[in-house]
Amino acid sequence: MLMKSINTLLFLLIAVTSIAQAPKEKALLWKISGNGLKQPSYLYGTIHVMCPDQIKVDTALKQSFEATKQLYLEINTSDPEMMTKAMQGMMMPEGESLEKLVSKVDYDSMSQIFQNKAGMPMLLMAKAKPMLLMSSVFPSLLGCAPEGWETKFQEMAKDKNLPIKGLETIEYQLSVFDTIPYKAQAAMLKDFLYNLDSTKKSFDEMLAVYLQKDINGLYEMTVKDPDFGTYEALMLNNRNNNWIAVIAAAAKEKPTFFAVGAAHLGGEKGVISLLRKKGFKVMPVMY
């Protein structure tokens, strides 16, 4: 009985310790220190698609960026070969096409919606991995020419002559989509195109949570999504784990500014929690 009680207590202590690593504060900007770092680094949660007027660099963010000597994004967007690599990685294997993954009736309907919203024939993109086609519709969905924080940070890094690096390669990032069956991706694309009104509503809700700096809320919305949640390990957890060693090495080399999708920061398996478990002190920069 005593041993059972001790084991139960140990289990509870481990559980509480694990949970305590997950961030609770609402913040997009985080300071990384401790664990042998001579100078702090910074971590920022981004959203990859939003209207340009929603991207605002405040004083705290500017000061934090100015205190660093290199920029790490999810991928190195300054790579001159990135577009070539992206085009190669976007395509399904020879012989695969969207026409083979959905019925003719659905393909014709999807093509018409895509043409109307993306302003280009579906035929031009029919051999691309289906999930990637969604991004072509977002300008129409948002009513603007969308940008991401990555573009802003790349401009800021170039102004300071900071090196820009990636936590993973574009080839790896696009290969993640190969682990999701193409037929499942086609079904997601069909649902996306057939329900643009609800898609817009869901995106607006997600953006509102992001603008409130609620990284845990954003993480919860992401993993509860009926499509994305099925592939949480592939799209979030595995990549988070892969990044930790890269983040640790870069931060020890020189003060670094890291910018990754905000959904990667929240939860017990998020980047903040994993860094804390490695002995780093990760605290919100409140402003």
C-alpha atoms as a PDB file:
ATOM      1  CA  MET A   1       0.000   0.000   0.000  1.00  0.00           C
ATOM      2  CA  LEU A   2       2.849   2.359   0.906  1.00  0.00           C
ATOM      3  CA  MET A   3       4.691   1.613  -2.344  1.00  0.00           C
ATOM      4  CA  LYS A   4       1.473   2.145  -4.296  1.00  0.00           C
ATOM      5  CA  SER A   5       0.972   5.514  -2.566  1.00  0.00           C
ATOM      6  CA  ILE A   6       4.562   6.539  -3.309  1.00  0.00           C
ATOM      7  CA  ASN A   7       4.182   5.548  -6.972  1.00  0.00           C
ATOM      8  CA  THR A   8       0.939   7.504  -7.200  1.00  0.00           C
ATOM      9  CA  LEU A   9       2.584  10.562  -5.637  1.00  0.00           C
ATOM     10  CA  LEU A  10       5.537  10.320  -8.029  1.00  0.00           C
ATOM     11  CA  PHE A  11       3.181  10.075 -10.975  1.00  0.00           C
ATOM     12  CA  LEU A  12       1.297  13.171  -9.826  1.00  0.00           C
ATOM     13  CA  LEU A  13       4.513  15.114  -9.284  1.00  0.00           C
ATOM     14  CA  ILE A  14       5.768  14.201 -12.748  1.00  0.00           C
ATOM     15  CA  ALA A  15       2.423  15.159 -14.288  1.00  0.00           C
ATOM     16  CA  VAL A  16       2.313  18.500 -12.476  1.00  0.00           C
ATOM     17  CA  THR A  17       5.926  19.261 -13.428  1.00  0.00           C
ATOM     18  CA  SER A  18       5.184  18.460 -17.050  1.00  0.00           C
ATOM     19  CA  ILE A  19       2.084  20.615 -17.133  1.00  0.00           C
ATOM     20  CA  ALA A  20       3.958  23.460 -15.435  1.00  0.00           C
ATOM     21  CA  GLN A  21       6.277  23.647 -18.469  1.00  0.00           C
ATOM     22  CA  ALA A  22       3.426  24.674 -20.776  1.00  0.00           C
ATOM     23  CA  PRO A  23       3.041  28.468 -21.155  1.00  0.00           C
ATOM     24  CA  LYS A  24       0.034  30.083 -19.502  1.00  0.00           C
ATOM     25  CA  GLU A  25       0.545  33.750 -20.337  1.00  0.00           C
ATOM     26  CA  LYS A  26      -0.905  35.427 -23.414  1.00  0.00           C
ATOM     27  CA  ALA A  27       2.136  36.599 -25.342  1.00  0.00           C
ATOM     28  CA  LEU A  28       3.653  36.255 -28.800  1.00  0.00           C
ATOM     29  CA  LEU A  29       7.145  37.442 -27.834  1.00  0.00           C
ATOM     30  CA  TRP A  30       9.257  35.306 -25.458  1.00  0.00           C
ATOM     31  CA  LYS A  31      12.742  35.726 -24.000  1.00  0.00           C
ATOM     32  CA  ILE A  32      15.034  32.684 -23.880  1.00  0.00           C
ATOM     33  CA  SER A  33      17.796  32.717 -21.249  1.00  0.00           C
ATOM     34  CA  GLY A  34      19.634  30.466 -18.798  1.00  0.00           C
ATOM     35  CA  ASN A  35      21.135  27.052 -19.487  1.00  0.00           C
ATOM     36  CA  GLY A  36      24.553  28.539 -20.249  1.00  0.00           C
ATOM     37  CA  LEU A  37      23.437  31.313 -22.587  1.00  0.00           C
ATOM     38  CA  LYS A  38      25.659  34.383 -22.328  1.00  0.00           C
ATOM     39  CA  GLN A  39      23.015  36.630 -23.886  1.00  0.00           C
ATOM     40  CA  PRO A  40      19.278  36.073 -24.280  1.00  0.00           C
ATOM     41  CA  SER A  41      17.581  35.080 -27.514  1.00  0.00           C
ATOM     42  CA  TYR A  42      13.970  35.736 -28.471  1.00  0.00           C
ATOM     43  CA  LEU A  43      11.116  33.635 -29.799  1.00  0.00           C
ATOM     44  CA  TYR A  44       8.109  35.054 -31.655  1.00  0.00           C
ATOM     45  CA  GLY A  45       4.889  33.341 -32.671  1.00  0.00           C
ATOM     46  CA  THR A  46       3.787  34.271 -36.177  1.00  0.00           C
ATOM     47  CA  ILE A  47       0.781  33.719 -38.361  1.00  0.00           C
ATOM     48  CA  HIS A  48       1.705  32.926 -41.942  1.00  0.00           C
ATOM     49  CA  VAL A  49      -1.160  34.696 -43.721  1.00  0.00           C
ATOM     50  CA  MET A  50      -2.731  38.030 -42.774  1.00  0.00           C
ATOM     51  CA  CYS A  51      -3.382  41.452 -44.285  1.00  0.00           C
ATOM     52  CA  PRO A  52      -0.336  43.782 -44.292  1.00  0.00           C
ATOM     53  CA  ASP A  53      -1.985  46.428 -42.080  1.00  0.00           C
ATOM     54  CA  GLN A  54      -2.268  43.841 -39.281  1.00  0.00           C
ATOM     55  CA  ILE A  55       1.501  43.357 -39.146  1.00  0.00           C
ATOM     56  CA  LYS A  56       2.746  45.950 -36.679  1.00  0.00           C
ATOM     57  CA  VAL A  57       6.224  46.076 -35.141  1.00  0.00           C
ATOM     58  CA  ASP A  58       5.864  47.591 -31.655  1.00  0.00           C
ATOM     59  CA  THR A  59       8.669  48.943 -29.495  1.00  0.00           C
ATOM     60  CA  ALA A  60       9.238  45.751 -27.494  1.00  0.00           C
ATOM     61  CA  LEU A  61       9.440  43.633 -30.637  1.00  0.00           C
ATOM     62  CA  LYS A  62      11.811  46.082 -32.325  1.00  0.00           C
ATOM     63  CA  GLN A  63      14.091  46.253 -29.287  1.00  0.00           C
ATOM     64  CA  SER A  64      14.190  42.477 -28.973  1.00  0.00           C
ATOM     65  CA  PHE A  65      15.012  42.080 -32.656  1.00  0.00           C
ATOM     66  CA  GLU A  66      17.710  44.754 -32.436  1.00  0.00           C
ATOM     67  CA  ALA A  67      19.355  42.815 -29.587  1.00  0.00           C
ATOM     68  CA  THR A  68      19.955  39.736 -31.758  1.00  0.00           C
ATOM     69  CA  LYS A  69      22.586  38.840 -34.344  1.00  0.00           C
ATOM     70  CA  GLN A  70      20.865  36.290 -36.541  1.00  0.00           C
ATOM     71  CA  LEU A  71      17.346  35.357 -37.641  1.00  0.00           C
ATOM     72  CA  TYR A  72      15.930  31.841 -37.736  1.00  0.00           C
ATOM     73  CA  LEU A  73      12.628  31.224 -39.505  1.00  0.00           C
ATOM     74  CA  GLU A  74      10.974  27.859 -40.066  1.00  0.00           C
ATOM     75  CA  ILE A  75      12.754  27.814 -43.430  1.00  0.00           C
ATOM     76  CA  ASN A  76      15.422  30.054 -44.896  1.00  0.00           C
ATOM     77  CA  THR A  77      13.286  32.359 -47.031  1.00  0.00           C
ATOM     78  CA  SER A  78      16.385  34.152 -48.324  1.00  0.00           C
ATOM     79  CA  ASP A  79      17.704  31.025 -50.062  1.00  0.00           C
ATOM     80  CA  PRO A  80      18.025  32.037 -53.760  1.00  0.00           C
ATOM     81  CA  GLU A  81      17.052  28.498 -54.765  1.00  0.00           C
ATOM     82  CA  MET A  82      13.970  28.385 -52.529  1.00  0.00           C
ATOM     83  CA  MET A  83      11.438  28.994 -55.304  1.00  0.00           C
ATOM     84  CA  THR A  84      12.919  26.240 -57.458  1.00  0.00           C
ATOM     85  CA  LYS A  85      12.956  23.840 -54.514  1.00  0.00           C
ATOM     86  CA  ALA A  86       9.408  24.849 -53.583  1.00  0.00           C
ATOM     87  CA  MET A  87       8.088  24.215 -57.095  1.00  0.00           C
ATOM     88  CA  GLN A  88       9.713  20.785 -57.126  1.00  0.00           C
ATOM     89  CA  GLY A  89       8.421  19.911 -53.656  1.00  0.00           C
ATOM     90  CA  MET A  90       4.880  21.078 -54.401  1.00  0.00           C
ATOM     91  CA  MET A  91       4.242  18.432 -57.020  1.00  0.00           C
ATOM     92  CA  MET A  92       2.817  14.968 -56.499  1.00  0.00           C
ATOM     93  CA  PRO A  93       4.701  12.020 -58.021  1.00  0.00           C
ATOM     94  CA  GLU A  94       4.427  11.395 -61.751  1.00  0.00           C
ATOM     95  CA  GLY A  95       1.055   9.962 -62.678  1.00  0.00           C
ATOM     96  CA  GLU A  96      -0.841  11.551 -59.761  1.00  0.00           C
ATOM     97  CA  SER A  97      -3.333  14.356 -60.295  1.00  0.00           C
ATOM     98  CA  LEU A  98      -6.327  15.870 -58.563  1.00  0.00           C
ATOM     99  CA  GLU A  99      -8.602  14.485 -61.301  1.00  0.00           C
ATOM    100  CA  LYS A 100      -7.750  10.956 -60.142  1.00  0.00           C
ATOM    101  CA  LEU A 101      -8.487  11.738 -56.496  1.00  0.00           C
ATOM    102  CA  VAL A 102     -12.044  13.077 -56.754  1.00  0.00           C
ATOM    103  CA  SER A 103     -15.078  12.350 -58.902  1.00  0.00           C
ATOM    104  CA  LYS A 104     -15.493  14.152 -62.242  1.00  0.00           C
ATOM    105  CA  VAL A 105     -18.484  16.058 -60.873  1.00  0.00           C
ATOM    106  CA  ASP A 106     -16.442  17.255 -57.883  1.00  0.00           C
ATOM    107  CA  TYR A 107     -13.403  18.063 -60.008  1.00  0.00           C
ATOM    108  CA  ASP A 108     -15.489  20.216 -62.373  1.00  0.00           C
ATOM    109  CA  SER A 109     -17.171  22.019 -59.466  1.00  0.00           C
ATOM    110  CA  MET A 110     -13.896  22.506 -57.603  1.00  0.00           C
ATOM    111  CA  SER A 111     -12.249  23.808 -60.778  1.00  0.00           C
ATOM    112  CA  GLN A 112     -14.954  26.423 -61.264  1.00  0.00           C
ATOM    113  CA  ILE A 113     -14.735  27.634 -57.651  1.00  0.00           C
ATOM    114  CA  PHE A 114     -10.937  27.681 -57.782  1.00  0.00           C
ATOM    115  CA  GLN A 115     -10.957  29.652 -61.050  1.00  0.00           C
ATOM    116  CA  ASN A 116     -13.363  32.213 -59.592  1.00  0.00           C
ATOM    117  CA  LYS A 117     -11.506  32.658 -56.303  1.00  0.00           C
ATOM    118  CA  ALA A 118      -7.846  32.127 -57.255  1.00  0.00           C
ATOM    119  CA  GLY A 119      -8.053  33.726 -60.691  1.00  0.00           C
ATOM    120  CA  MET A 120      -6.294  30.862 -62.429  1.00  0.00           C
ATOM    121  CA  PRO A 121      -7.370  27.570 -64.008  1.00  0.00           C
ATOM    122  CA  MET A 122      -7.252  24.559 -61.695  1.00  0.00           C
ATOM    123  CA  LEU A 123      -5.614  22.672 -64.566  1.00  0.00           C
ATOM    124  CA  LEU A 124      -2.386  24.608 -63.987  1.00  0.00           C
ATOM    125  CA  MET A 125      -2.172  23.311 -60.407  1.00  0.00           C
ATOM    126  CA  ALA A 126      -3.863  19.918 -60.748  1.00  0.00           C
ATOM    127  CA  LYS A 127      -0.645  17.990 -60.139  1.00  0.00           C
ATOM    128  CA  ALA A 128       0.267  19.930 -56.980  1.00  0.00           C
ATOM    129  CA  LYS A 129      -0.285  18.422 -53.544  1.00  0.00           C
ATOM    130  CA  PRO A 130      -3.953  19.254 -52.926  1.00  0.00           C
ATOM    131  CA  MET A 131      -3.551  20.916 -49.509  1.00  0.00           C
ATOM    132  CA  LEU A 132      -1.141  23.450 -50.995  1.00  0.00           C
ATOM    133  CA  LEU A 133      -3.796  24.750 -53.394  1.00  0.00           C
ATOM    134  CA  MET A 134      -5.689  26.335 -50.492  1.00  0.00           C
ATOM    135  CA  SER A 135      -3.142  29.153 -50.223  1.00  0.00           C
ATOM    136  CA  SER A 136      -4.048  30.396 -53.726  1.00  0.00           C
ATOM    137  CA  VAL A 137      -7.591  31.171 -52.542  1.00  0.00           C
ATOM    138  CA  PHE A 138      -6.639  33.190 -49.456  1.00  0.00           C
ATOM    139  CA  PRO A 139      -6.230  36.587 -51.185  1.00  0.00           C
ATOM    140  CA  SER A 140      -9.873  36.378 -52.285  1.00  0.00           C
ATOM    141  CA  LEU A 141     -10.911  35.039 -48.903  1.00  0.00           C
ATOM    142  CA  LEU A 142      -9.197  37.832 -46.954  1.00  0.00           C
ATOM    143  CA  GLY A 143      -9.891  40.648 -49.395  1.00  0.00           C
ATOM    144  CA  CYS A 144      -6.241  41.712 -49.523  1.00  0.00           C
ATOM    145  CA  ALA A 145      -2.853  40.650 -50.849  1.00  0.00           C
ATOM    146  CA  PRO A 146      -1.815  38.688 -47.744  1.00  0.00           C
ATOM    147  CA  GLU A 147       1.631  38.732 -46.211  1.00  0.00           C
ATOM    148  CA  GLY A 148       3.199  36.964 -43.290  1.00  0.00           C
ATOM    149  CA  TRP A 149       5.451  37.970 -40.421  1.00  0.00           C
ATOM    150  CA  GLU A 150       8.244  36.046 -42.128  1.00  0.00           C
ATOM    151  CA  THR A 151       8.411  38.653 -44.904  1.00  0.00           C
ATOM    152  CA  LYS A 152       8.595  41.483 -42.361  1.00  0.00           C
ATOM    153  CA  PHE A 153      11.329  39.786 -40.325  1.00  0.00           C
ATOM    154  CA  GLN A 154      13.309  39.028 -43.469  1.00  0.00           C
ATOM    155  CA  GLU A 155      13.192  42.736 -44.401  1.00  0.00           C
ATOM    156  CA  MET A 156      14.278  43.717 -40.878  1.00  0.00           C
ATOM    157  CA  ALA A 157      17.154  41.226 -40.996  1.00  0.00           C
ATOM    158  CA  LYS A 158      18.353  42.541 -44.344  1.00  0.00           C
ATOM    159  CA  ASP A 159      18.282  46.100 -43.006  1.00  0.00           C
ATOM    160  CA  LYS A 160      20.589  44.983 -40.187  1.00  0.00           C
ATOM    161  CA  ASN A 161      22.679  42.668 -42.404  1.00  0.00           C
ATOM    162  CA  LEU A 162      21.742  39.727 -40.202  1.00  0.00           C
ATOM    163  CA  PRO A 163      22.179  36.208 -41.524  1.00  0.00           C
ATOM    164  CA  ILE A 164      18.884  34.388 -42.146  1.00  0.00           C
ATOM    165  CA  LYS A 165      18.685  30.664 -41.503  1.00  0.00           C
ATOM    166  CA  GLY A 166      16.047  27.953 -41.267  1.00  0.00           C
ATOM    167  CA  LEU A 167      15.062  25.496 -38.548  1.00  0.00           C
ATOM    168  CA  GLU A 168      14.262  23.018 -41.325  1.00  0.00           C
ATOM    169  CA  THR A 169      14.622  22.863 -45.091  1.00  0.00           C
ATOM    170  CA  ILE A 170      11.897  23.660 -47.600  1.00  0.00           C
ATOM    171  CA  GLU A 171      12.314  20.111 -48.904  1.00  0.00           C
ATOM    172  CA  TYR A 172      11.539  18.659 -45.482  1.00  0.00           C
ATOM    173  CA  GLN A 173       8.628  21.011 -44.868  1.00  0.00           C
ATOM    174  CA  LEU A 174       6.963  20.071 -48.146  1.00  0.00           C
ATOM    175  CA  SER A 175       7.749  16.375 -47.646  1.00  0.00           C
ATOM    176  CA  VAL A 176       5.499  16.457 -44.561  1.00  0.00           C
ATOM    177  CA  PHE A 177       2.563  16.736 -46.951  1.00  0.00           C
ATOM    178  CA  ASP A 178       3.601  13.427 -48.530  1.00  0.00           C
ATOM    179  CA  THR A 179       2.830  11.680 -45.246  1.00  0.00           C
ATOM    180  CA  ILE A 180      -0.824  12.740 -45.517  1.00  0.00           C
ATOM    181  CA  PRO A 181      -2.562  10.556 -48.149  1.00  0.00           C
ATOM    182  CA  TYR A 182      -3.288  12.551 -51.289  1.00  0.00           C
ATOM    183  CA  LYS A 183      -6.869  11.298 -51.312  1.00  0.00           C
ATOM    184  CA  ALA A 184      -7.318  12.721 -47.799  1.00  0.00           C
ATOM    185  CA  GLN A 185      -5.768  16.008 -48.958  1.00  0.00           C
ATOM    186  CA  ALA A 186      -8.149  16.116 -51.925  1.00  0.00           C
ATOM    187  CA  ALA A 187     -11.101  15.603 -49.567  1.00  0.00           C
ATOM    188  CA  MET A 188      -9.834  18.496 -47.394  1.00  0.00           C
ATOM    189  CA  LEU A 189      -9.485  20.725 -50.456  1.00  0.00           C
ATOM    190  CA  LYS A 190     -12.998  19.827 -51.603  1.00  0.00           C
ATOM    191  CA  ASP A 191     -14.410  20.657 -48.166  1.00  0.00           C
ATOM    192  CA  PHE A 192     -12.415  23.905 -48.133  1.00  0.00           C
ATOM    193  CA  LEU A 193     -13.713  25.043 -51.535  1.00  0.00           C
ATOM    194  CA  TYR A 194     -17.305  23.950 -50.943  1.00  0.00           C
ATOM    195  CA  ASN A 195     -17.482  25.780 -47.611  1.00  0.00           C
ATOM    196  CA  LEU A 196     -15.641  29.035 -48.161  1.00  0.00           C
ATOM    197  CA  ASP A 197     -18.024  31.022 -45.969  1.00  0.00           C
ATOM    198  CA  SER A 198     -17.426  28.798 -42.944  1.00  0.00           C
ATOM    199  CA  THR A 199     -13.719  28.664 -43.794  1.00  0.00           C
ATOM    200  CA  LYS A 200     -13.578  32.464 -43.717  1.00  0.00           C
ATOM    201  CA  LYS A 201     -15.455  32.510 -40.401  1.00  0.00           C
ATOM    202  CA  SER A 202     -13.063  29.932 -38.897  1.00  0.00           C
ATOM    203  CA  PHE A 203     -10.036  31.877 -40.108  1.00  0.00           C
ATOM    204  CA  ASP A 204     -11.403  35.136 -38.692  1.00  0.00           C
ATOM    205  CA  GLU A 205     -11.936  33.418 -35.334  1.00  0.00           C
ATOM    206  CA  MET A 206      -8.407  32.035 -35.402  1.00  0.00           C
ATOM    207  CA  LEU A 207      -6.974  35.440 -36.331  1.00  0.00           C
ATOM    208  CA  ALA A 208      -8.889  37.076 -33.460  1.00  0.00           C
ATOM    209  CA  VAL A 209      -7.378  34.575 -31.020  1.00  0.00           C
ATOM    210  CA  TYR A 210      -3.929  35.255 -32.493  1.00  0.00           C
ATOM    211  CA  LEU A 211      -4.320  39.029 -32.179  1.00  0.00           C
ATOM    212  CA  GLN A 212      -5.213  38.466 -28.509  1.00  0.00           C
ATOM    213  CA  LYS A 213      -1.778  36.774 -28.242  1.00  0.00           C
ATOM    214  CA  ASP A 214      -3.462  33.624 -26.950  1.00  0.00           C
ATOM    215  CA  ILE A 215      -1.004  30.959 -28.112  1.00  0.00           C
ATOM    216  CA  ASN A 216      -2.661  28.196 -26.084  1.00  0.00           C
ATOM    217  CA  GLY A 217      -6.057  29.110 -27.521  1.00  0.00           C
ATOM    218  CA  LEU A 218      -4.577  29.021 -31.006  1.00  0.00           C
ATOM    219  CA  TYR A 219      -2.948  25.660 -30.332  1.00  0.00           C
ATOM    220  CA  GLU A 220      -6.256  24.236 -29.075  1.00  0.00           C
ATOM    221  CA  MET A 221      -8.109  25.506 -32.138  1.00  0.00           C
ATOM    222  CA  THR A 222      -5.490  23.940 -34.391  1.00  0.00           C
ATOM    223  CA  VAL A 223      -5.464  20.476 -32.851  1.00  0.00           C
ATOM    224  CA  LYS A 224      -9.259  20.366 -32.543  1.00  0.00           C
ATOM    225  CA  ASP A 225      -9.715  21.064 -36.237  1.00  0.00           C
ATOM    226  CA  PRO A 226     -11.331  17.885 -37.640  1.00  0.00           C
ATOM    227  CA  ASP A 227      -8.843  17.691 -40.513  1.00  0.00           C
ATOM    228  CA  PHE A 228      -5.624  19.106 -39.077  1.00  0.00           C
ATOM    229  CA  GLY A 229      -6.012  17.479 -35.662  1.00  0.00           C
ATOM    230  CA  THR A 230      -5.664  14.029 -37.200  1.00  0.00           C
ATOM    231  CA  TYR A 231      -2.154  14.955 -38.297  1.00  0.00           C
ATOM    232  CA  GLU A 232      -1.060  16.899 -35.205  1.00  0.00           C
ATOM    233  CA  ALA A 233       2.030  14.752 -34.654  1.00  0.00           C
ATOM    234  CA  LEU A 234       3.176  15.195 -38.259  1.00  0.00           C
ATOM    235  CA  MET A 235       2.460  18.888 -38.626  1.00  0.00           C
ATOM    236  CA  LEU A 236       3.345  20.121 -35.124  1.00  0.00           C
ATOM    237  CA  ASN A 237       4.838  17.741 -32.557  1.00  0.00           C
ATOM    238  CA  ASN A 238       7.486  16.006 -34.660  1.00  0.00           C
ATOM    239  CA  ARG A 239       8.683  19.280 -36.095  1.00  0.00           C
ATOM    240  CA  ASN A 240       8.760  20.927 -32.653  1.00  0.00           C
ATOM    241  CA  ASN A 241      10.991  18.128 -31.382  1.00  0.00           C
ATOM    242  CA  ASN A 242      13.284  18.454 -34.389  1.00  0.00           C
ATOM    243  CA  TRP A 243      13.683  22.196 -33.843  1.00  0.00           C
ATOM    244  CA  ILE A 244      14.776  22.133 -30.198  1.00  0.00           C
ATOM    245  CA  ALA A 245      18.357  21.009 -30.845  1.00  0.00           C
ATOM    246  CA  VAL A 246      18.699  23.607 -33.619  1.00  0.00           C
ATOM    247  CA  ILE A 247      17.303  26.379 -31.410  1.00  0.00           C
ATOM    248  CA  ALA A 248      19.568  25.426 -28.505  1.00  0.00           C
ATOM    249  CA  ALA A 249      22.705  25.352 -30.675  1.00  0.00           C
ATOM    250  CA  ALA A 250      21.905  28.649 -32.411  1.00  0.00           C
ATOM    251  CA  ALA A 251      21.103  30.461 -29.137  1.00  0.00           C
ATOM    252  CA  LYS A 252      24.398  29.282 -27.634  1.00  0.00           C
ATOM    253  CA  GLU A 253      26.286  30.447 -30.716  1.00  0.00           C
ATOM    254  CA  LYS A 254      24.937  34.024 -30.630  1.00  0.00           C
ATOM    255  CA  PRO A 255      21.779  35.903 -29.571  1.00  0.00           C
ATOM    256  CA  THR A 256      19.158  34.800 -32.064  1.00  0.00           C
ATOM    257  CA  PHE A 257      15.652  35.835 -33.045  1.00  0.00           C
ATOM    258  CA  PHE A 258      13.443  32.825 -33.773  1.00  0.00           C
ATOM    259  CA  ALA A 259      10.081  33.224 -35.525  1.00  0.00           C
ATOM    260  CA  VAL A 260       7.760  30.240 -36.001  1.00  0.00           C
ATOM    261  CA  GLY A 261       4.025  29.689 -36.384  1.00  0.00           C
ATOM    262  CA  ALA A 262       2.289  30.567 -33.119  1.00  0.00           C
ATOM    263  CA  ALA A 263       0.512  27.191 -32.967  1.00  0.00           C
ATOM    264  CA  HIS A 264       3.953  25.636 -32.406  1.00  0.00           C
ATOM    265  CA  LEU A 265       4.389  27.535 -29.104  1.00  0.00           C
ATOM    266  CA  GLY A 266       1.399  26.406 -27.039  1.00  0.00           C
ATOM    267  CA  GLY A 267       0.679  23.163 -25.210  1.00  0.00           C
ATOM    268  CA  GLU A 268       2.835  20.656 -23.368  1.00  0.00           C
ATOM    269  CA  LYS A 269       4.460  19.503 -26.610  1.00  0.00           C
ATOM    270  CA  GLY A 270       5.052  23.016 -27.890  1.00  0.00           C
ATOM    271  CA  VAL A 271       8.402  24.730 -28.406  1.00  0.00           C
ATOM    272  CA  ILE A 272       8.211  26.762 -25.168  1.00  0.00           C
ATOM    273  CA  SER A 273       7.475  23.708 -23.040  1.00  0.00           C
ATOM    274  CA  LEU A 274      10.203  21.652 -24.743  1.00  0.00           C
ATOM    275  CA  LEU A 275      12.799  24.401 -24.258  1.00  0.00           C
ATOM    276  CA  ARG A 276      11.897  24.668 -20.567  1.00  0.00           C
ATOM    277  CA  LYS A 277      12.294  20.914 -20.180  1.00  0.00           C
ATOM    278  CA  LYS A 278      15.784  21.288 -21.654  1.00  0.00           C
ATOM    279  CA  GLY A 279      16.680  23.757 -18.894  1.00  0.00           C
ATOM    280  CA  PHE A 280      16.097  27.080 -20.638  1.00  0.00           C
ATOM    281  CA  LYS A 281      14.201  29.886 -18.980  1.00  0.00           C
ATOM    282  CA  VAL A 282      11.506  31.025 -21.405  1.00  0.00           C
ATOM    283  CA  MET A 283       9.528  34.017 -20.189  1.00  0.00           C
ATOM    284  CA  PRO A 284       6.954  36.229 -21.909  1.00  0.00           C
ATOM    285  CA  VAL A 285       7.910  39.748 -22.865  1.00  0.00           C
ATOM    286  CA  MET A 286       4.836  41.568 -21.590  1.00  0.00           C
ATOM    287  CA  TYR A 287       3.955  44.971 -22.992  1.00  0.00           C
END
